[in-house]
Amino acid sequence: MMKQSGFFDDEERLARLSGLGDQLEAFSRTVDFEAFRPDLDKTLAYSDGSKGGRPPFDPVLMFKILVIQTLNNLSDERTEYLINDRISFMRFLGLELSDQVPDAKTV
């Protein structure tokens, strides 16, 4: 029988990952990914949404996904699966369990 998760269980799990040396967490502390936003915004030139369609994912999020993919030599499909599966990937990307993860066609 599984116990109901408590309020601090997620924080304790993340602290444990940090203590074990989460490389992505260290990478996040070292690299200011927001510094890439102006160049990403300019290069991607997303539409203003006036023509409809689903809104694009944040360009910094997508850039960080490419970093994960490159560091781990992952296919688009495997990247999507592991983002949904690994709490360390979610933390690196700034995602919560309830957030939508880009599907493999988007990556």
PDB file of N, CA and C in Angstrom:
ATOM      1  N   MET A   1       0.844  -1.183   0.000  1.00  0.00           N
ATOM      2  CA  MET A   1       0.000   0.000   0.000  1.00  0.00           C
ATOM      3  C   MET A   1       0.889   1.246   0.000  1.00  0.00           C
ATOM      4  N   MET A   2       0.572   2.186  -0.869  1.00  0.00           N
ATOM      5  CA  MET A   2       1.359   3.418  -0.958  1.00  0.00           C
ATOM      6  C   MET A   2       0.846   4.438   0.049  1.00  0.00           C
ATOM      7  N   LYS A   3       1.776   5.115   0.674  1.00  0.00           N
ATOM      8  CA  LYS A   3       1.359   6.159   1.612  1.00  0.00           C
ATOM      9  C   LYS A   3       1.071   7.441   0.841  1.00  0.00           C
ATOM     10  N   GLN A   4       0.211   8.248   1.401  1.00  0.00           N
ATOM     11  CA  GLN A   4      -0.113   9.535   0.798  1.00  0.00           C
ATOM     12  C   GLN A   4       1.083  10.466   0.973  1.00  0.00           C
ATOM     13  N   SER A   5       1.444  11.179  -0.098  1.00  0.00           N
ATOM     14  CA  SER A   5       2.612  12.046   0.012  1.00  0.00           C
ATOM     15  C   SER A   5       2.279  13.263   0.866  1.00  0.00           C
ATOM     16  N   GLY A   6       3.261  13.645   1.649  1.00  0.00           N
ATOM     17  CA  GLY A   6       3.104  14.787   2.517  1.00  0.00           C
ATOM     18  C   GLY A   6       3.567  16.066   1.844  1.00  0.00           C
ATOM     19  N   PHE A   7       3.325  17.159   2.498  1.00  0.00           N
ATOM     20  CA  PHE A   7       3.624  18.485   1.965  1.00  0.00           C
ATOM     21  C   PHE A   7       5.110  18.661   1.655  1.00  0.00           C
ATOM     22  N   PHE A   8       5.982  18.107   2.485  1.00  0.00           N
ATOM     23  CA  PHE A   8       7.416  18.325   2.329  1.00  0.00           C
ATOM     24  C   PHE A   8       8.131  17.192   1.595  1.00  0.00           C
ATOM     25  N   ASP A   9       7.409  16.166   1.157  1.00  0.00           N
ATOM     26  CA  ASP A   9       8.044  15.030   0.487  1.00  0.00           C
ATOM     27  C   ASP A   9       8.795  15.441  -0.774  1.00  0.00           C
ATOM     28  N   ASP A  10       8.200  16.295  -1.599  1.00  0.00           N
ATOM     29  CA  ASP A  10       8.860  16.739  -2.828  1.00  0.00           C
ATOM     30  C   ASP A  10      10.127  17.518  -2.508  1.00  0.00           C
ATOM     31  N   GLU A  11      10.044  18.398  -1.530  1.00  0.00           N
ATOM     32  CA  GLU A  11      11.219  19.181  -1.143  1.00  0.00           C
ATOM     33  C   GLU A  11      12.334  18.286  -0.620  1.00  0.00           C
ATOM     34  N   GLU A  12      11.970  17.260   0.152  1.00  0.00           N
ATOM     35  CA  GLU A  12      12.969  16.335   0.684  1.00  0.00           C
ATOM     36  C   GLU A  12      13.623  15.543  -0.445  1.00  0.00           C
ATOM     37  N   ARG A  13      12.838  15.128  -1.432  1.00  0.00           N
ATOM     38  CA  ARG A  13      13.391  14.377  -2.563  1.00  0.00           C
ATOM     39  C   ARG A  13      14.344  15.265  -3.360  1.00  0.00           C
ATOM     40  N   LEU A  14      13.960  16.522  -3.598  1.00  0.00           N
ATOM     41  CA  LEU A  14      14.834  17.437  -4.329  1.00  0.00           C
ATOM     42  C   LEU A  14      16.116  17.730  -3.549  1.00  0.00           C
ATOM     43  N   ALA A  15      15.992  17.869  -2.241  1.00  0.00           N
ATOM     44  CA  ALA A  15      17.175  18.099  -1.410  1.00  0.00           C
ATOM     45  C   ALA A  15      18.106  16.884  -1.468  1.00  0.00           C
ATOM     46  N   ARG A  16      17.527  15.709  -1.498  1.00  0.00           N
ATOM     47  CA  ARG A  16      18.335  14.476  -1.607  1.00  0.00           C
ATOM     48  C   ARG A  16      19.075  14.454  -2.944  1.00  0.00           C
ATOM     49  N   LEU A  17      18.386  14.813  -4.032  1.00  0.00           N
ATOM     50  CA  LEU A  17      19.037  14.881  -5.345  1.00  0.00           C
ATOM     51  C   LEU A  17      20.194  15.883  -5.325  1.00  0.00           C
ATOM     52  N   SER A  18      19.964  17.013  -4.679  1.00  0.00           N
ATOM     53  CA  SER A  18      21.018  18.024  -4.582  1.00  0.00           C
ATOM     54  C   SER A  18      22.216  17.466  -3.834  1.00  0.00           C
ATOM     55  N   GLY A  19      21.937  16.782  -2.740  1.00  0.00           N
ATOM     56  CA  GLY A  19      23.009  16.211  -1.939  1.00  0.00           C
ATOM     57  C   GLY A  19      23.791  15.135  -2.669  1.00  0.00           C
ATOM     58  N   LEU A  20      23.136  14.460  -3.606  1.00  0.00           N
ATOM     59  CA  LEU A  20      23.804  13.414  -4.386  1.00  0.00           C
ATOM     60  C   LEU A  20      24.576  13.987  -5.572  1.00  0.00           C
ATOM     61  N   GLY A  21      24.470  15.294  -5.781  1.00  0.00           N
ATOM     62  CA  GLY A  21      25.245  15.937  -6.834  1.00  0.00           C
ATOM     63  C   GLY A  21      24.517  16.035  -8.161  1.00  0.00           C
ATOM     64  N   ASP A  22      23.310  16.553  -8.156  1.00  0.00           N
ATOM     65  CA  ASP A  22      22.536  16.742  -9.391  1.00  0.00           C
ATOM     66  C   ASP A  22      23.303  17.674 -10.328  1.00  0.00           C
ATOM     67  N   GLN A  23      23.831  17.118 -11.412  1.00  0.00           N
ATOM     68  CA  GLN A  23      24.652  17.895 -12.343  1.00  0.00           C
ATOM     69  C   GLN A  23      23.863  19.001 -13.029  1.00  0.00           C
ATOM     70  N   LEU A  24      22.585  18.755 -13.303  1.00  0.00           N
ATOM     71  CA  LEU A  24      21.771  19.784 -13.942  1.00  0.00           C
ATOM     72  C   LEU A  24      21.547  20.975 -13.013  1.00  0.00           C
ATOM     73  N   GLU A  25      21.411  20.700 -11.732  1.00  0.00           N
ATOM     74  CA  GLU A  25      21.255  21.786 -10.767  1.00  0.00           C
ATOM     75  C   GLU A  25      22.518  22.644 -10.729  1.00  0.00           C
ATOM     76  N   ALA A  26      23.673  21.992 -10.734  1.00  0.00           N
ATOM     77  CA  ALA A  26      24.941  22.723 -10.752  1.00  0.00           C
ATOM     78  C   ALA A  26      25.066  23.532 -12.041  1.00  0.00           C
ATOM     79  N   PHE A  27      24.646  22.963 -13.148  1.00  0.00           N
ATOM     80  CA  PHE A  27      24.676  23.639 -14.437  1.00  0.00           C
ATOM     81  C   PHE A  27      23.797  24.890 -14.401  1.00  0.00           C
ATOM     82  N   SER A  28      22.624  24.777 -13.781  1.00  0.00           N
ATOM     83  CA  SER A  28      21.708  25.918 -13.667  1.00  0.00           C
ATOM     84  C   SER A  28      22.309  27.050 -12.847  1.00  0.00           C
ATOM     85  N   ARG A  29      23.071  26.689 -11.826  1.00  0.00           N
ATOM     86  CA  ARG A  29      23.714  27.720 -11.001  1.00  0.00           C
ATOM     87  C   ARG A  29      24.846  28.411 -11.755  1.00  0.00           C
ATOM     88  N   THR A  30      25.462  27.704 -12.695  1.00  0.00           N
ATOM     89  CA  THR A  30      26.619  28.215 -13.423  1.00  0.00           C
ATOM     90  C   THR A  30      26.235  29.040 -14.646  1.00  0.00           C
ATOM     91  N   VAL A  31      25.173  28.637 -15.336  1.00  0.00           N
ATOM     92  CA  VAL A  31      24.783  29.271 -16.603  1.00  0.00           C
ATOM     93  C   VAL A  31      23.518  30.095 -16.402  1.00  0.00           C
ATOM     94  N   ASP A  32      23.554  31.347 -16.803  1.00  0.00           N
ATOM     95  CA  ASP A  32      22.370  32.209 -16.774  1.00  0.00           C
ATOM     96  C   ASP A  32      21.623  32.038 -18.103  1.00  0.00           C
ATOM     97  N   PHE A  33      20.681  31.112 -18.120  1.00  0.00           N
ATOM     98  CA  PHE A  33      19.959  30.817 -19.355  1.00  0.00           C
ATOM     99  C   PHE A  33      19.101  31.989 -19.819  1.00  0.00           C
ATOM    100  N   GLU A  34      18.683  32.836 -18.908  1.00  0.00           N
ATOM    101  CA  GLU A  34      17.886  34.005 -19.297  1.00  0.00           C
ATOM    102  C   GLU A  34      18.700  34.970 -20.165  1.00  0.00           C
ATOM    103  N   ALA A  35      20.010  34.911 -20.074  1.00  0.00           N
ATOM    104  CA  ALA A  35      20.858  35.764 -20.905  1.00  0.00           C
ATOM    105  C   ALA A  35      20.697  35.439 -22.395  1.00  0.00           C
ATOM    106  N   PHE A  36      20.225  34.233 -22.698  1.00  0.00           N
ATOM    107  CA  PHE A  36      20.027  33.822 -24.088  1.00  0.00           C
ATOM    108  C   PHE A  36      18.676  34.287 -24.647  1.00  0.00           C
ATOM    109  N   ARG A  37      17.764  34.723 -23.770  1.00  0.00           N
ATOM    110  CA  ARG A  37      16.406  35.065 -24.196  1.00  0.00           C
ATOM    111  C   ARG A  37      16.352  36.092 -25.339  1.00  0.00           C
ATOM    112  N   PRO A  38      17.072  37.217 -25.261  1.00  0.00           N
ATOM    113  CA  PRO A  38      16.972  38.185 -26.358  1.00  0.00           C
ATOM    114  C   PRO A  38      17.351  37.584 -27.718  1.00  0.00           C
ATOM    115  N   ASP A  39      18.425  36.816 -27.755  1.00  0.00           N
ATOM    116  CA  ASP A  39      18.840  36.195 -29.018  1.00  0.00           C
ATOM    117  C   ASP A  39      17.837  35.142 -29.475  1.00  0.00           C
ATOM    118  N   LEU A  40      17.318  34.367 -28.543  1.00  0.00           N
ATOM    119  CA  LEU A  40      16.315  33.347 -28.896  1.00  0.00           C
ATOM    120  C   LEU A  40      15.049  34.011 -29.425  1.00  0.00           C
ATOM    121  N   ASP A  41      14.594  35.054 -28.742  1.00  0.00           N
ATOM    122  CA  ASP A  41      13.387  35.771 -29.187  1.00  0.00           C
ATOM    123  C   ASP A  41      13.574  36.347 -30.588  1.00  0.00           C
ATOM    124  N   LYS A  42      14.737  36.942 -30.816  1.00  0.00           N
ATOM    125  CA  LYS A  42      15.009  37.561 -32.115  1.00  0.00           C
ATOM    126  C   LYS A  42      15.099  36.492 -33.215  1.00  0.00           C
ATOM    127  N   THR A  43      15.772  35.399 -32.924  1.00  0.00           N
ATOM    128  CA  THR A  43      15.976  34.338 -33.913  1.00  0.00           C
ATOM    129  C   THR A  43      14.685  33.598 -34.225  1.00  0.00           C
ATOM    130  N   LEU A  44      13.906  33.311 -33.194  1.00  0.00           N
ATOM    131  CA  LEU A  44      12.687  32.524 -33.400  1.00  0.00           C
ATOM    132  C   LEU A  44      11.540  33.358 -33.957  1.00  0.00           C
ATOM    133  N   ALA A  45      11.485  34.616 -33.614  1.00  0.00           N
ATOM    134  CA  ALA A  45      10.456  35.535 -34.108  1.00  0.00           C
ATOM    135  C   ALA A  45       9.067  34.895 -34.116  1.00  0.00           C
ATOM    136  N   TYR A  46       8.611  34.480 -32.951  1.00  0.00           N
ATOM    137  CA  TYR A  46       7.275  33.896 -32.820  1.00  0.00           C
ATOM    138  C   TYR A  46       6.220  34.882 -33.291  1.00  0.00           C
ATOM    139  N   SER A  47       5.135  34.355 -33.828  1.00  0.00           N
ATOM    140  CA  SER A  47       4.036  35.242 -34.245  1.00  0.00           C
ATOM    141  C   SER A  47       3.351  35.807 -33.004  1.00  0.00           C
ATOM    142  N   ASP A  48       2.549  36.836 -33.208  1.00  0.00           N
ATOM    143  CA  ASP A  48       1.862  37.477 -32.077  1.00  0.00           C
ATOM    144  C   ASP A  48       0.617  36.706 -31.639  1.00  0.00           C
ATOM    145  N   GLY A  49       0.294  35.612 -32.316  1.00  0.00           N
ATOM    146  CA  GLY A  49      -0.855  34.795 -31.935  1.00  0.00           C
ATOM    147  C   GLY A  49      -2.155  35.233 -32.556  1.00  0.00           C
ATOM    148  N   SER A  50      -2.126  36.287 -33.376  1.00  0.00           N
ATOM    149  CA  SER A  50      -3.373  36.802 -33.949  1.00  0.00           C
ATOM    150  C   SER A  50      -3.997  35.826 -34.953  1.00  0.00           C
ATOM    151  N   LYS A  51      -3.214  34.914 -35.486  1.00  0.00           N
ATOM    152  CA  LYS A  51      -3.738  33.953 -36.459  1.00  0.00           C
ATOM    153  C   LYS A  51      -4.203  32.661 -35.796  1.00  0.00           C
ATOM    154  N   GLY A  52      -4.172  32.617 -34.488  1.00  0.00           N
ATOM    155  CA  GLY A  52      -4.634  31.433 -33.769  1.00  0.00           C
ATOM    156  C   GLY A  52      -3.524  30.415 -33.585  1.00  0.00           C
ATOM    157  N   GLY A  53      -3.924  29.195 -33.309  1.00  0.00           N
ATOM    158  CA  GLY A  53      -2.954  28.143 -33.028  1.00  0.00           C
ATOM    159  C   GLY A  53      -2.583  28.137 -31.561  1.00  0.00           C
ATOM    160  N   ARG A  54      -1.925  27.062 -31.160  1.00  0.00           N
ATOM    161  CA  ARG A  54      -1.547  26.998 -29.751  1.00  0.00           C
ATOM    162  C   ARG A  54      -0.343  27.889 -29.502  1.00  0.00           C
ATOM    163  N   PRO A  55      -0.276  28.495 -28.331  1.00  0.00           N
ATOM    164  CA  PRO A  55       0.856  29.374 -28.040  1.00  0.00           C
ATOM    165  C   PRO A  55       2.154  28.565 -28.003  1.00  0.00           C
ATOM    166  N   PRO A  56       3.258  29.164 -28.426  1.00  0.00           N
ATOM    167  CA  PRO A  56       4.532  28.437 -28.427  1.00  0.00           C
ATOM    168  C   PRO A  56       5.042  28.252 -26.998  1.00  0.00           C
ATOM    169  N   PHE A  57       5.875  27.239 -26.832  1.00  0.00           N
ATOM    170  CA  PHE A  57       6.538  27.054 -25.545  1.00  0.00           C
ATOM    171  C   PHE A  57       7.605  28.128 -25.391  1.00  0.00           C
ATOM    172  N   ASP A  58       7.931  28.434 -24.168  1.00  0.00           N
ATOM    173  CA  ASP A  58       8.938  29.445 -23.856  1.00  0.00           C
ATOM    174  C   ASP A  58      10.262  29.084 -24.544  1.00  0.00           C
ATOM    175  N   PRO A  59      10.886  30.045 -25.230  1.00  0.00           N
ATOM    176  CA  PRO A  59      12.122  29.733 -25.955  1.00  0.00           C
ATOM    177  C   PRO A  59      13.277  29.298 -25.056  1.00  0.00           C
ATOM    178  N   VAL A  60      13.360  29.830 -23.841  1.00  0.00           N
ATOM    179  CA  VAL A  60      14.424  29.411 -22.925  1.00  0.00           C
ATOM    180  C   VAL A  60      14.181  27.965 -22.481  1.00  0.00           C
ATOM    181  N   LEU A  61      12.925  27.610 -22.244  1.00  0.00           N
ATOM    182  CA  LEU A  61      12.580  26.226 -21.912  1.00  0.00           C
ATOM    183  C   LEU A  61      13.024  25.297 -23.042  1.00  0.00           C
ATOM    184  N   MET A  62      12.705  25.667 -24.272  1.00  0.00           N
ATOM    185  CA  MET A  62      13.062  24.823 -25.413  1.00  0.00           C
ATOM    186  C   MET A  62      14.581  24.724 -25.570  1.00  0.00           C
ATOM    187  N   PHE A  63      15.291  25.821 -25.305  1.00  0.00           N
ATOM    188  CA  PHE A  63      16.752  25.800 -25.365  1.00  0.00           C
ATOM    189  C   PHE A  63      17.314  24.850 -24.308  1.00  0.00           C
ATOM    190  N   LYS A  64      16.760  24.913 -23.101  1.00  0.00           N
ATOM    191  CA  LYS A  64      17.223  24.029 -22.028  1.00  0.00           C
ATOM    192  C   LYS A  64      16.931  22.565 -22.356  1.00  0.00           C
ATOM    193  N   ILE A  65      15.823  22.310 -23.057  1.00  0.00           N
ATOM    194  CA  ILE A  65      15.526  20.940 -23.490  1.00  0.00           C
ATOM    195  C   ILE A  65      16.601  20.466 -24.468  1.00  0.00           C
ATOM    196  N   LEU A  66      17.014  21.337 -25.371  1.00  0.00           N
ATOM    197  CA  LEU A  66      18.094  20.978 -26.302  1.00  0.00           C
ATOM    198  C   LEU A  66      19.401  20.688 -25.555  1.00  0.00           C
ATOM    199  N   VAL A  67      19.645  21.415 -24.479  1.00  0.00           N
ATOM    200  CA  VAL A  67      20.825  21.159 -23.658  1.00  0.00           C
ATOM    201  C   VAL A  67      20.750  19.756 -23.062  1.00  0.00           C
ATOM    202  N   ILE A  68      19.603  19.407 -22.468  1.00  0.00           N
ATOM    203  CA  ILE A  68      19.410  18.058 -21.913  1.00  0.00           C
ATOM    204  C   ILE A  68      19.629  17.011 -22.997  1.00  0.00           C
ATOM    205  N   GLN A  69      19.028  17.247 -24.147  1.00  0.00           N
ATOM    206  CA  GLN A  69      19.106  16.302 -25.253  1.00  0.00           C
ATOM    207  C   GLN A  69      20.559  16.079 -25.685  1.00  0.00           C
ATOM    208  N   THR A  70      21.301  17.165 -25.805  1.00  0.00           N
ATOM    209  CA  THR A  70      22.685  17.087 -26.252  1.00  0.00           C
ATOM    210  C   THR A  70      23.573  16.430 -25.198  1.00  0.00           C
ATOM    211  N   LEU A  71      23.426  16.833 -23.937  1.00  0.00           N
ATOM    212  CA  LEU A  71      24.256  16.268 -22.871  1.00  0.00           C
ATOM    213  C   LEU A  71      24.059  14.759 -22.710  1.00  0.00           C
ATOM    214  N   ASN A  72      22.839  14.295 -23.014  1.00  0.00           N
ATOM    215  CA  ASN A  72      22.513  12.885 -22.798  1.00  0.00           C
ATOM    216  C   ASN A  72      22.363  12.084 -24.092  1.00  0.00           C
ATOM    217  N   ASN A  73      22.634  12.728 -25.240  1.00  0.00           N
ATOM    218  CA  ASN A  73      22.548  12.066 -26.536  1.00  0.00           C
ATOM    219  C   ASN A  73      21.200  11.355 -26.707  1.00  0.00           C
ATOM    220  N   LEU A  74      20.116  12.129 -26.589  1.00  0.00           N
ATOM    221  CA  LEU A  74      18.770  11.573 -26.595  1.00  0.00           C
ATOM    222  C   LEU A  74      18.015  11.920 -27.879  1.00  0.00           C
ATOM    223  N   SER A  75      17.150  11.008 -28.303  1.00  0.00           N
ATOM    224  CA  SER A  75      16.225  11.294 -29.401  1.00  0.00           C
ATOM    225  C   SER A  75      15.116  12.206 -28.865  1.00  0.00           C
ATOM    226  N   ASP A  76      14.340  12.769 -29.773  1.00  0.00           N
ATOM    227  CA  ASP A  76      13.217  13.619 -29.350  1.00  0.00           C
ATOM    228  C   ASP A  76      12.238  12.837 -28.486  1.00  0.00           C
ATOM    229  N   GLU A  77      11.913  11.617 -28.900  1.00  0.00           N
ATOM    230  CA  GLU A  77      10.939  10.803 -28.166  1.00  0.00           C
ATOM    231  C   GLU A  77      11.459  10.442 -26.776  1.00  0.00           C
ATOM    232  N   ARG A  78      12.731  10.062 -26.695  1.00  0.00           N
ATOM    233  CA  ARG A  78      13.321   9.699 -25.403  1.00  0.00           C
ATOM    234  C   ARG A  78      13.400  10.930 -24.497  1.00  0.00           C
ATOM    235  N   THR A  79      13.690  12.074 -25.078  1.00  0.00           N
ATOM    236  CA  THR A  79      13.744  13.322 -24.308  1.00  0.00           C
ATOM    237  C   THR A  79      12.386  13.613 -23.687  1.00  0.00           C
ATOM    238  N   GLU A  80      11.327  13.509 -24.476  1.00  0.00           N
ATOM    239  CA  GLU A  80       9.980  13.746 -23.962  1.00  0.00           C
ATOM    240  C   GLU A  80       9.672  12.796 -22.810  1.00  0.00           C
ATOM    241  N   TYR A  81       9.985  11.515 -22.993  1.00  0.00           N
ATOM    242  CA  TYR A  81       9.721  10.524 -21.944  1.00  0.00           C
ATOM    243  C   TYR A  81      10.483  10.869 -20.663  1.00  0.00           C
ATOM    244  N   LEU A  82      11.776  11.162 -20.801  1.00  0.00           N
ATOM    245  CA  LEU A  82      12.592  11.398 -19.612  1.00  0.00           C
ATOM    246  C   LEU A  82      12.237  12.698 -18.900  1.00  0.00           C
ATOM    247  N   ILE A  83      11.796  13.706 -19.632  1.00  0.00           N
ATOM    248  CA  ILE A  83      11.337  14.930 -18.967  1.00  0.00           C
ATOM    249  C   ILE A  83      10.122  14.612 -18.100  1.00  0.00           C
ATOM    250  N   ASN A  84       9.225  13.789 -18.616  1.00  0.00           N
ATOM    251  CA  ASN A  84       8.049  13.396 -17.838  1.00  0.00           C
ATOM    252  C   ASN A  84       8.406  12.480 -16.672  1.00  0.00           C
ATOM    253  N   ASP A  85       9.498  11.747 -16.792  1.00  0.00           N
ATOM    254  CA  ASP A  85       9.863  10.725 -15.810  1.00  0.00           C
ATOM    255  C   ASP A  85      10.801  11.228 -14.718  1.00  0.00           C
ATOM    256  N   ARG A  86      11.711  12.112 -15.043  1.00  0.00           N
ATOM    257  CA  ARG A  86      12.780  12.491 -14.107  1.00  0.00           C
ATOM    258  C   ARG A  86      12.529  13.834 -13.438  1.00  0.00           C
ATOM    259  N   ILE A  87      12.510  13.778 -12.134  1.00  0.00           N
ATOM    260  CA  ILE A  87      12.300  14.994 -11.362  1.00  0.00           C
ATOM    261  C   ILE A  87      13.483  15.957 -11.531  1.00  0.00           C
ATOM    262  N   SER A  88      14.689  15.429 -11.743  1.00  0.00           N
ATOM    263  CA  SER A  88      15.846  16.310 -11.940  1.00  0.00           C
ATOM    264  C   SER A  88      15.726  17.077 -13.253  1.00  0.00           C
ATOM    265  N   PHE A  89      15.192  16.446 -14.311  1.00  0.00           N
ATOM    266  CA  PHE A  89      14.981  17.142 -15.581  1.00  0.00           C
ATOM    267  C   PHE A  89      13.911  18.213 -15.407  1.00  0.00           C
ATOM    268  N   MET A  90      12.842  17.865 -14.687  1.00  0.00           N
ATOM    269  CA  MET A  90      11.756  18.824 -14.474  1.00  0.00           C
ATOM    270  C   MET A  90      12.255  20.038 -13.686  1.00  0.00           C
ATOM    271  N   ARG A  91      13.050  19.793 -12.666  1.00  0.00           N
ATOM    272  CA  ARG A  91      13.568  20.904 -11.864  1.00  0.00           C
ATOM    273  C   ARG A  91      14.454  21.801 -12.723  1.00  0.00           C
ATOM    274  N   PHE A  92      15.336  21.211 -13.538  1.00  0.00           N
ATOM    275  CA  PHE A  92      16.212  21.978 -14.420  1.00  0.00           C
ATOM    276  C   PHE A  92      15.399  22.858 -15.365  1.00  0.00           C
ATOM    277  N   LEU A  93      14.279  22.330 -15.839  1.00  0.00           N
ATOM    278  CA  LEU A  93      13.442  23.059 -16.787  1.00  0.00           C
ATOM    279  C   LEU A  93      12.465  24.012 -16.111  1.00  0.00           C
ATOM    280  N   GLY A  94      12.358  23.930 -14.780  1.00  0.00           N
ATOM    281  CA  GLY A  94      11.419  24.793 -14.064  1.00  0.00           C
ATOM    282  C   GLY A  94       9.980  24.340 -14.221  1.00  0.00           C
ATOM    283  N   LEU A  95       9.777  23.039 -14.415  1.00  0.00           N
ATOM    284  CA  LEU A  95       8.437  22.497 -14.602  1.00  0.00           C
ATOM    285  C   LEU A  95       7.928  21.826 -13.336  1.00  0.00           C
ATOM    286  N   GLU A  96       6.631  21.889 -13.131  1.00  0.00           N
ATOM    287  CA  GLU A  96       5.952  21.175 -12.060  1.00  0.00           C
ATOM    288  C   GLU A  96       5.289  19.941 -12.674  1.00  0.00           C
ATOM    289  N   LEU A  97       4.886  18.996 -11.834  1.00  0.00           N
ATOM    290  CA  LEU A  97       4.224  17.788 -12.341  1.00  0.00           C
ATOM    291  C   LEU A  97       2.982  18.099 -13.158  1.00  0.00           C
ATOM    292  N   SER A  98       2.306  19.177 -12.844  1.00  0.00           N
ATOM    293  CA  SER A  98       1.068  19.529 -13.538  1.00  0.00           C
ATOM    294  C   SER A  98       1.305  20.302 -14.839  1.00  0.00           C
ATOM    295  N   ASP A  99       2.539  20.718 -15.117  1.00  0.00           N
ATOM    296  CA  ASP A  99       2.832  21.497 -16.325  1.00  0.00           C
ATOM    297  C   ASP A  99       2.857  20.610 -17.562  1.00  0.00           C
ATOM    298  N   GLN A 100       2.512  21.212 -18.681  1.00  0.00           N
ATOM    299  CA  GLN A 100       2.574  20.505 -19.953  1.00  0.00           C
ATOM    300  C   GLN A 100       4.026  20.419 -20.402  1.00  0.00           C
ATOM    301  N   VAL A 101       4.405  19.236 -20.854  1.00  0.00           N
ATOM    302  CA  VAL A 101       5.753  19.013 -21.380  1.00  0.00           C
ATOM    303  C   VAL A 101       5.659  19.020 -22.898  1.00  0.00           C
ATOM    304  N   PRO A 102       6.562  19.731 -23.577  1.00  0.00           N
ATOM    305  CA  PRO A 102       6.530  19.720 -25.037  1.00  0.00           C
ATOM    306  C   PRO A 102       6.615  18.289 -25.574  1.00  0.00           C
ATOM    307  N   ASP A 103       5.787  17.974 -26.571  1.00  0.00           N
ATOM    308  CA  ASP A 103       5.851  16.624 -27.124  1.00  0.00           C
ATOM    309  C   ASP A 103       7.014  16.525 -28.106  1.00  0.00           C
ATOM    310  N   ALA A 104       7.343  15.298 -28.484  1.00  0.00           N
ATOM    311  CA  ALA A 104       8.520  15.036 -29.306  1.00  0.00           C
ATOM    312  C   ALA A 104       8.475  15.784 -30.631  1.00  0.00           C
ATOM    313  N   LYS A 105       7.283  16.075 -31.151  1.00  0.00           N
ATOM    314  CA  LYS A 105       7.183  16.793 -32.425  1.00  0.00           C
ATOM    315  C   LYS A 105       7.591  18.258 -32.258  1.00  0.00           C
ATOM    316  N   THR A 106       7.466  18.786 -31.040  1.00  0.00           N
ATOM    317  CA  THR A 106       7.800  20.186 -30.765  1.00  0.00           C
ATOM    318  C   THR A 106       9.279  20.369 -30.554  1.00  0.00           C
ATOM    319  N   VAL A 107       9.913  19.370 -29.931  1.00  0.00           N
ATOM    320  CA  VAL A 107      11.335  19.438 -29.626  1.00  0.00           C
ATOM    321  C   VAL A 107      12.078  19.317 -30.907  1.00  0.00           C
TER     322      VAL A 107
END
